[in-house]
Amino acid sequence: MTMRVVEDAFYIIYQRTGENPVQILIDAVINSGVRQNLIRMDRFGLNRGETIDTSPLQRINQPVSSLCTGARNSSFKSIKTISECLADELINASKVGFYDKKNY
C-alpha cells in the first residue's frame, strides 16, 4: 500500500513538473530540515536555552515525518487521494524551504 502511494506520488510529480521525482524528494527534505535545535540547559540553578547542531539522522527523520503527516492530514475528509496530497506536499516543500526565509 505504501509503496503504491509513493509510486503514484512520484508519477504525479513527474507529470506536473517534468523533473526527476527523487530530486524533488531530496530538495524537499533538505529545505524542510532543521539545522539547529534549542535545548534547555540547567547550570548552577539557571535555566537557559542554547542552540546545538542537529544530527544528520534527525535532519532526515523529522522532515520525512512531517511531510507524511501533512499529506495524511490534508487527504483526510478530502476529495484528493493521499498520493495527490503527498505530491503536493513534496512539490511545495522543494520549492522554498521554511528556513530559507530567515537569515542565519
Protein backbone atom coordinates (compact mmCIF):
# COMPACT_ATOMS: atom_id res chain seq x y z
CA MET A 1 0.00 0.00 0.00
CA THR A 2 2.69 2.48 0.99
CA MET A 3 4.88 1.67 -2.00
CA ARG A 4 1.94 2.21 -4.34
CA VAL A 5 1.16 5.59 -2.77
CA VAL A 6 4.79 6.71 -3.17
CA GLU A 7 4.97 5.41 -6.75
CA ASP A 8 1.76 7.22 -7.66
CA ALA A 9 3.02 10.40 -5.99
CA PHE A 10 6.29 10.20 -7.93
CA TYR A 11 4.34 9.73 -11.17
CA ILE A 12 2.18 12.78 -10.36
CA ILE A 13 5.30 14.82 -9.55
CA TYR A 14 6.85 13.85 -12.89
CA GLN A 15 3.66 14.77 -14.76
CA ARG A 16 3.36 18.18 -13.07
CA THR A 17 6.98 19.31 -13.03
CA GLY A 18 8.78 17.23 -15.64
CA GLU A 19 11.70 16.83 -13.23
CA ASN A 20 13.14 13.80 -11.52
CA PRO A 21 10.84 12.92 -8.58
CA VAL A 22 13.72 11.64 -6.46
CA GLN A 23 15.45 15.03 -6.80
CA ILE A 24 12.19 16.72 -5.74
CA LEU A 25 12.10 14.45 -2.66
CA ILE A 26 15.72 15.28 -1.81
CA ASP A 27 15.12 19.03 -2.20
CA ALA A 28 12.01 18.79 -0.01
CA VAL A 29 13.92 17.00 2.76
CA ILE A 30 16.82 19.47 2.57
CA ASN A 31 14.55 22.52 2.66
CA SER A 32 12.35 21.17 5.47
CA GLY A 33 15.09 20.01 7.81
CA VAL A 34 16.15 21.98 10.85
CA ARG A 35 19.79 22.99 11.11
CA GLN A 36 19.86 23.94 14.77
CA ASN A 37 17.91 22.80 17.78
CA LEU A 38 17.20 24.66 21.01
CA ILE A 39 17.79 22.80 24.25
CA ARG A 40 17.32 23.83 27.86
CA MET A 41 20.49 23.79 29.94
CA ASP A 42 20.45 23.88 33.73
CA ARG A 43 23.70 25.34 35.01
CA PHE A 44 24.20 26.50 38.55
CA GLY A 45 20.45 26.77 39.08
CA LEU A 46 19.86 28.89 35.96
CA ASN A 47 17.79 27.60 33.09
CA ARG A 48 18.76 28.99 29.74
CA GLY A 49 18.41 27.94 26.14
CA GLU A 50 21.35 27.00 23.97
CA THR A 51 21.40 26.10 20.31
CA ILE A 52 23.10 22.94 19.13
CA ASP A 53 23.61 21.44 15.70
CA THR A 54 21.22 18.62 14.89
CA SER A 55 22.45 15.20 13.86
CA PRO A 56 22.23 14.17 10.20
CA LEU A 57 19.75 11.41 11.03
CA GLN A 58 17.45 13.88 12.79
CA ARG A 59 17.71 16.27 9.82
CA ILE A 60 16.27 13.47 7.65
CA ASN A 61 13.76 11.83 10.02
CA GLN A 62 11.98 14.99 11.13
CA PRO A 63 11.15 16.36 7.63
CA VAL A 64 10.06 12.95 6.32
CA SER A 65 7.77 12.51 9.30
CA SER A 66 6.27 15.99 8.97
CA LEU A 67 5.76 15.64 5.20
CA CYS A 68 3.96 12.31 5.67
CA THR A 69 1.84 13.68 8.50
CA GLY A 70 0.92 16.74 6.42
CA ALA A 71 -0.06 14.59 3.45
CA ARG A 72 -2.15 12.31 5.64
CA ASN A 73 -3.93 15.21 7.35
CA SER A 74 -4.66 17.01 4.07
CA SER A 75 -6.13 13.88 2.47
CA PHE A 76 -8.43 13.18 5.42
CA LYS A 77 -12.07 14.03 4.53
CA SER A 78 -10.95 15.34 1.14
CA ILE A 79 -11.64 14.52 -2.49
CA LYS A 80 -7.92 14.29 -3.23
CA THR A 81 -6.16 10.98 -2.80
CA ILE A 82 -3.21 10.59 -0.47
CA SER A 83 -0.90 10.27 -3.49
CA GLU A 84 -2.01 13.66 -4.79
CA CYS A 85 -1.62 15.22 -1.35
CA LEU A 86 1.86 13.72 -0.93
CA ALA A 87 2.86 15.02 -4.36
CA ASP A 88 1.58 18.50 -3.44
CA GLU A 89 3.50 18.45 -0.14
CA LEU A 90 6.74 17.40 -1.82
CA ILE A 91 6.46 19.92 -4.66
CA ASN A 92 5.67 22.80 -2.30
CA ALA A 93 8.43 21.83 0.14
CA SER A 94 11.02 21.51 -2.62
CA LYS A 95 10.39 24.99 -4.00
CA VAL A 96 11.13 27.16 -0.96
CA GLY A 97 12.02 25.92 2.47
CA PHE A 98 10.78 27.43 5.70
CA TYR A 99 14.30 28.14 6.92
CA ASP A 100 15.42 29.83 3.68
CA LYS A 101 13.37 32.90 4.61
CA LYS A 102 15.38 33.54 7.76
CA ASN A 103 18.91 34.85 7.89
CA TYR A 104 21.41 32.68 9.70
